């Protein structure tokens, strides 16, 4: 089993690519067959499949194979892990923005 921090690293690496982020956005709407996704991108079917494999290894999608069709579904729990980790920095950024707001209001 991948440890928590390693899983987050895999998730953030998978989301670091614009094409994969677009795929995740599409899968957030509904499940897709890989052959349905391929025409939406200016890359080959094999390249789409490789991107989906990386998303699957990161735990962001599930793939179900029915005959020759590969159905991919988003696993939102993986995204919630990344969101929770990023949320840990919310207090820091809120404090920084509050300090900036105070500094700007002092200059008026």
N, C-alpha and C. Protein backbone atom coordinates (compact mmCIF):
# COMPACT_ATOMS: atom_id res chain seq x y z
N UNK A 1 0.84 -1.19 0.00
CA UNK A 1 0.00 0.00 0.00
C UNK A 1 0.88 1.25 0.00
N UNK A 2 0.48 2.26 -0.78
CA UNK A 2 1.23 3.50 -0.86
C UNK A 2 0.94 4.33 0.38
N UNK A 3 1.99 4.85 1.00
CA UNK A 3 1.80 5.67 2.18
C UNK A 3 1.10 6.97 1.81
N UNK A 4 0.52 7.64 2.81
CA UNK A 4 -0.29 8.84 2.59
C UNK A 4 0.46 9.90 1.78
N UNK A 5 1.66 10.27 2.19
CA UNK A 5 2.40 11.32 1.49
C UNK A 5 2.76 10.90 0.07
N UNK A 6 3.11 9.62 -0.12
CA UNK A 6 3.41 9.14 -1.46
C UNK A 6 2.18 9.19 -2.34
N UNK A 7 1.01 8.86 -1.77
CA UNK A 7 -0.25 8.91 -2.53
C UNK A 7 -0.52 10.35 -2.96
N UNK A 8 -0.31 11.29 -2.06
CA UNK A 8 -0.50 12.70 -2.42
C UNK A 8 0.45 13.11 -3.52
N UNK A 9 1.69 12.65 -3.45
CA UNK A 9 2.66 12.96 -4.50
C UNK A 9 2.19 12.43 -5.85
N UNK A 10 1.65 11.22 -5.87
CA UNK A 10 1.13 10.64 -7.10
C UNK A 10 -0.06 11.45 -7.63
N UNK A 11 -0.93 11.87 -6.72
CA UNK A 11 -2.10 12.66 -7.12
C UNK A 11 -1.66 13.99 -7.72
N UNK A 12 -0.77 14.69 -7.01
CA UNK A 12 -0.34 15.99 -7.53
C UNK A 12 0.45 15.85 -8.82
N UNK A 13 1.25 14.79 -8.95
CA UNK A 13 1.97 14.57 -10.21
C UNK A 13 0.97 14.34 -11.34
N UNK A 14 -0.04 13.50 -11.09
CA UNK A 14 -1.04 13.22 -12.12
C UNK A 14 -1.76 14.50 -12.54
N UNK A 15 -2.05 15.36 -11.59
CA UNK A 15 -2.78 16.60 -11.89
C UNK A 15 -1.88 17.71 -12.42
N UNK A 16 -0.58 17.47 -12.47
CA UNK A 16 0.34 18.50 -12.96
C UNK A 16 0.28 18.66 -14.47
N UNK A 17 -0.37 17.74 -15.16
CA UNK A 17 -0.46 17.78 -16.61
C UNK A 17 -1.82 18.32 -17.03
N UNK A 18 -1.83 19.30 -17.91
CA UNK A 18 -3.07 19.95 -18.34
C UNK A 18 -4.04 18.96 -19.00
N UNK A 19 -3.53 18.06 -19.82
CA UNK A 19 -4.39 17.08 -20.48
C UNK A 19 -5.09 16.20 -19.45
N UNK A 20 -4.35 15.74 -18.46
CA UNK A 20 -4.97 14.89 -17.43
C UNK A 20 -5.98 15.68 -16.60
N UNK A 21 -5.68 16.98 -16.32
CA UNK A 21 -6.67 17.79 -15.59
C UNK A 21 -7.95 17.92 -16.40
N UNK A 22 -7.84 18.08 -17.71
CA UNK A 22 -9.03 18.16 -18.57
C UNK A 22 -9.79 16.84 -18.54
N UNK A 23 -9.06 15.74 -18.54
CA UNK A 23 -9.72 14.43 -18.46
C UNK A 23 -10.48 14.29 -17.15
N UNK A 24 -9.87 14.72 -16.06
CA UNK A 24 -10.53 14.65 -14.75
C UNK A 24 -11.79 15.51 -14.76
N UNK A 25 -11.71 16.71 -15.36
CA UNK A 25 -12.90 17.57 -15.44
C UNK A 25 -14.03 16.87 -16.20
N UNK A 26 -13.69 16.21 -17.31
CA UNK A 26 -14.73 15.49 -18.07
C UNK A 26 -15.31 14.35 -17.25
N UNK A 27 -14.43 13.60 -16.57
CA UNK A 27 -14.90 12.47 -15.78
C UNK A 27 -15.70 12.91 -14.56
N UNK A 28 -15.56 14.16 -14.15
CA UNK A 28 -16.36 14.68 -13.05
C UNK A 28 -17.83 14.79 -13.46
N UNK A 29 -18.07 14.88 -14.74
CA UNK A 29 -19.45 14.99 -15.24
C UNK A 29 -20.13 13.63 -15.35
N UNK A 30 -19.35 12.64 -15.84
CA UNK A 30 -19.90 11.30 -16.03
C UNK A 30 -18.78 10.34 -16.40
N UNK A 31 -19.02 9.03 -16.28
CA UNK A 31 -18.03 8.06 -16.74
C UNK A 31 -17.89 8.12 -18.27
N UNK A 32 -16.70 7.82 -18.75
CA UNK A 32 -16.43 7.80 -20.19
C UNK A 32 -15.71 6.52 -20.57
N UNK A 33 -15.96 6.07 -21.80
CA UNK A 33 -15.11 5.04 -22.38
C UNK A 33 -13.88 5.77 -22.93
N UNK A 34 -12.75 5.09 -22.92
CA UNK A 34 -11.52 5.71 -23.44
C UNK A 34 -11.70 6.12 -24.89
N UNK A 35 -12.42 5.31 -25.65
CA UNK A 35 -12.65 5.65 -27.06
C UNK A 35 -13.53 6.89 -27.22
N UNK A 36 -14.32 7.23 -26.23
CA UNK A 36 -15.11 8.47 -26.25
C UNK A 36 -14.23 9.67 -25.92
N UNK A 37 -13.26 9.48 -25.03
CA UNK A 37 -12.38 10.57 -24.62
C UNK A 37 -11.39 10.97 -25.71
N UNK A 38 -10.88 9.98 -26.42
CA UNK A 38 -9.81 10.23 -27.39
C UNK A 38 -10.12 11.36 -28.38
N UNK A 39 -11.31 11.41 -28.99
CA UNK A 39 -11.57 12.48 -29.95
C UNK A 39 -11.60 13.89 -29.34
N UNK A 40 -11.72 13.98 -28.04
CA UNK A 40 -11.76 15.28 -27.38
C UNK A 40 -10.37 15.90 -27.20
N UNK A 41 -9.33 15.12 -27.54
CA UNK A 41 -7.95 15.57 -27.36
C UNK A 41 -7.18 15.39 -28.67
N UNK A 42 -6.21 16.22 -28.86
CA UNK A 42 -5.40 16.17 -30.08
C UNK A 42 -4.20 15.24 -29.88
N UNK A 43 -4.50 14.03 -29.38
CA UNK A 43 -3.47 13.02 -29.16
C UNK A 43 -4.05 11.67 -29.56
N UNK A 44 -3.20 10.68 -29.67
CA UNK A 44 -3.64 9.35 -30.12
C UNK A 44 -4.43 8.63 -29.03
N UNK A 45 -5.14 7.61 -29.45
CA UNK A 45 -5.87 6.76 -28.50
C UNK A 45 -4.90 6.12 -27.51
N UNK A 46 -3.73 5.71 -28.00
CA UNK A 46 -2.73 5.12 -27.10
C UNK A 46 -2.27 6.13 -26.05
N UNK A 47 -2.10 7.39 -26.45
CA UNK A 47 -1.67 8.43 -25.50
C UNK A 47 -2.76 8.68 -24.47
N UNK A 48 -4.02 8.72 -24.90
CA UNK A 48 -5.13 8.88 -23.95
C UNK A 48 -5.13 7.74 -22.95
N UNK A 49 -4.92 6.52 -23.44
CA UNK A 49 -4.89 5.36 -22.57
C UNK A 49 -3.76 5.46 -21.55
N UNK A 50 -2.59 5.93 -21.98
CA UNK A 50 -1.47 6.08 -21.05
C UNK A 50 -1.77 7.13 -19.98
N UNK A 51 -2.39 8.24 -20.36
CA UNK A 51 -2.79 9.25 -19.38
C UNK A 51 -3.77 8.65 -18.37
N UNK A 52 -4.70 7.86 -18.88
CA UNK A 52 -5.69 7.25 -17.99
C UNK A 52 -5.03 6.25 -17.05
N UNK A 53 -4.03 5.53 -17.53
CA UNK A 53 -3.30 4.60 -16.66
C UNK A 53 -2.63 5.34 -15.52
N UNK A 54 -2.06 6.50 -15.81
CA UNK A 54 -1.40 7.29 -14.76
C UNK A 54 -2.43 7.78 -13.75
N UNK A 55 -3.58 8.24 -14.23
CA UNK A 55 -4.64 8.68 -13.32
C UNK A 55 -5.14 7.51 -12.47
N UNK A 56 -5.18 6.34 -13.06
CA UNK A 56 -5.62 5.15 -12.33
C UNK A 56 -4.59 4.78 -11.25
N UNK A 57 -3.30 4.80 -11.58
CA UNK A 57 -2.27 4.49 -10.59
C UNK A 57 -2.27 5.49 -9.44
N UNK A 58 -2.64 6.74 -9.73
CA UNK A 58 -2.71 7.76 -8.69
C UNK A 58 -3.96 7.61 -7.83
N UNK A 59 -4.85 6.72 -8.23
CA UNK A 59 -6.06 6.50 -7.46
C UNK A 59 -7.17 7.48 -7.78
N UNK A 60 -7.02 8.22 -8.88
CA UNK A 60 -8.02 9.24 -9.23
C UNK A 60 -9.18 8.69 -10.05
N UNK A 61 -8.98 7.55 -10.70
CA UNK A 61 -10.06 6.96 -11.48
C UNK A 61 -10.11 5.46 -11.25
N UNK A 62 -11.28 4.90 -11.54
CA UNK A 62 -11.47 3.46 -11.62
C UNK A 62 -11.67 3.13 -13.09
N UNK A 63 -11.16 1.97 -13.49
CA UNK A 63 -11.35 1.51 -14.86
C UNK A 63 -12.04 0.15 -14.81
N UNK A 64 -13.12 0.04 -15.57
CA UNK A 64 -13.83 -1.23 -15.68
C UNK A 64 -13.75 -1.67 -17.13
N UNK A 65 -13.30 -2.89 -17.34
CA UNK A 65 -13.16 -3.41 -18.70
C UNK A 65 -14.34 -4.33 -18.99
N UNK A 66 -15.08 -3.98 -20.03
CA UNK A 66 -16.20 -4.80 -20.50
C UNK A 66 -15.95 -5.12 -21.97
N UNK A 67 -15.50 -6.34 -22.21
CA UNK A 67 -15.15 -6.70 -23.57
C UNK A 67 -13.96 -5.87 -24.02
N UNK A 68 -14.13 -5.13 -25.10
CA UNK A 68 -13.05 -4.28 -25.60
C UNK A 68 -13.14 -2.85 -25.08
N UNK A 69 -14.21 -2.54 -24.37
CA UNK A 69 -14.41 -1.18 -23.87
C UNK A 69 -13.83 -1.02 -22.47
N UNK A 70 -13.15 0.11 -22.28
CA UNK A 70 -12.60 0.48 -20.97
C UNK A 70 -13.39 1.68 -20.48
N UNK A 71 -14.17 1.49 -19.42
CA UNK A 71 -14.98 2.56 -18.85
C UNK A 71 -14.22 3.16 -17.67
N UNK A 72 -14.08 4.47 -17.66
CA UNK A 72 -13.35 5.16 -16.61
C UNK A 72 -14.30 6.05 -15.81
N UNK A 73 -14.15 5.98 -14.50
CA UNK A 73 -14.99 6.74 -13.57
C UNK A 73 -14.09 7.47 -12.59
N UNK A 74 -14.42 8.72 -12.32
CA UNK A 74 -13.67 9.51 -11.35
C UNK A 74 -13.88 8.98 -9.94
N UNK A 75 -12.81 8.96 -9.15
CA UNK A 75 -12.89 8.59 -7.73
C UNK A 75 -12.69 9.88 -6.93
N UNK A 76 -13.77 10.57 -6.57
CA UNK A 76 -13.65 11.87 -5.91
C UNK A 76 -12.96 11.82 -4.55
N UNK A 77 -12.93 10.67 -3.91
CA UNK A 77 -12.27 10.58 -2.60
C UNK A 77 -10.79 10.94 -2.71
N UNK A 78 -10.15 10.56 -3.80
CA UNK A 78 -8.73 10.91 -3.98
C UNK A 78 -8.55 12.42 -4.08
N UNK A 79 -9.47 13.08 -4.76
CA UNK A 79 -9.40 14.54 -4.86
C UNK A 79 -9.65 15.19 -3.51
N UNK A 80 -10.51 14.58 -2.70
CA UNK A 80 -10.77 15.17 -1.39
C UNK A 80 -9.54 15.08 -0.49
N UNK A 81 -8.71 14.04 -0.67
CA UNK A 81 -7.46 13.94 0.08
C UNK A 81 -6.53 15.09 -0.28
N UNK A 82 -6.43 15.38 -1.56
CA UNK A 82 -5.58 16.48 -2.01
C UNK A 82 -6.15 17.82 -1.51
N UNK A 83 -7.46 17.97 -1.58
CA UNK A 83 -8.10 19.19 -1.12
C UNK A 83 -7.86 19.40 0.38
N UNK A 84 -7.98 18.33 1.14
CA UNK A 84 -7.75 18.43 2.59
C UNK A 84 -6.32 18.85 2.89
N UNK A 85 -5.37 18.31 2.15
CA UNK A 85 -3.97 18.66 2.36
C UNK A 85 -3.75 20.14 2.04
N UNK A 86 -4.30 20.60 0.92
CA UNK A 86 -4.18 22.01 0.55
C UNK A 86 -4.90 22.90 1.55
N UNK A 87 -6.00 22.41 2.11
CA UNK A 87 -6.76 23.18 3.09
C UNK A 87 -5.94 23.51 4.33
N UNK A 88 -4.93 22.73 4.60
CA UNK A 88 -4.05 23.01 5.73
C UNK A 88 -3.30 24.33 5.58
N UNK A 89 -3.21 24.82 4.37
CA UNK A 89 -2.53 26.08 4.10
C UNK A 89 -3.49 27.27 4.02
N UNK A 90 -4.78 26.98 4.14
CA UNK A 90 -5.78 28.05 4.05
C UNK A 90 -5.59 29.09 5.14
N UNK A 91 -5.33 28.65 6.36
CA UNK A 91 -5.13 29.58 7.47
C UNK A 91 -3.92 30.48 7.21
N UNK A 92 -2.86 29.90 6.69
CA UNK A 92 -1.65 30.67 6.37
C UNK A 92 -1.98 31.78 5.36
N UNK A 93 -2.62 31.40 4.26
CA UNK A 93 -2.92 32.39 3.22
C UNK A 93 -3.93 33.42 3.69
N UNK A 94 -4.91 33.02 4.48
CA UNK A 94 -5.86 33.99 5.02
C UNK A 94 -5.15 35.00 5.90
N UNK A 95 -4.21 34.54 6.73
CA UNK A 95 -3.46 35.45 7.59
C UNK A 95 -2.61 36.41 6.75
N UNK A 96 -1.99 35.90 5.69
CA UNK A 96 -1.16 36.75 4.83
C UNK A 96 -2.02 37.79 4.12
N UNK A 97 -3.18 37.38 3.63
CA UNK A 97 -4.06 38.31 2.94
C UNK A 97 -4.63 39.36 3.90
N UNK A 98 -4.95 38.93 5.14
CA UNK A 98 -5.42 39.88 6.14
C UNK A 98 -4.35 40.91 6.45
N UNK A 99 -3.09 40.47 6.57
CA UNK A 99 -1.98 41.39 6.83
C UNK A 99 -1.81 42.37 5.68
N UNK A 100 -1.94 41.88 4.45
CA UNK A 100 -1.84 42.76 3.28
C UNK A 100 -2.97 43.78 3.29
N UNK A 101 -4.17 43.34 3.61
CA UNK A 101 -5.31 44.25 3.67
C UNK A 101 -5.09 45.34 4.72
N UNK A 102 -4.57 44.96 5.90
CA UNK A 102 -4.28 45.95 6.94
C UNK A 102 -3.23 46.95 6.47
N UNK A 103 -2.20 46.44 5.81
CA UNK A 103 -1.12 47.32 5.34
C UNK A 103 -1.65 48.29 4.30
N UNK A 104 -2.49 47.82 3.39
CA UNK A 104 -3.04 48.69 2.35
C UNK A 104 -3.99 49.73 2.96
N UNK A 105 -4.76 49.33 3.96
CA UNK A 105 -5.70 50.29 4.57
C UNK A 105 -4.95 51.34 5.40
N UNK A 106 -3.77 51.00 5.92
CA UNK A 106 -2.95 51.98 6.67
C UNK A 106 -2.38 53.05 5.76
N UNK A 107 -2.14 52.68 4.49
CA UNK A 107 -1.57 53.62 3.54
C UNK A 107 -2.60 54.63 3.01
N UNK A 108 -3.87 54.39 3.26
CA UNK A 108 -4.91 55.29 2.75
C UNK A 108 -5.04 56.54 3.55
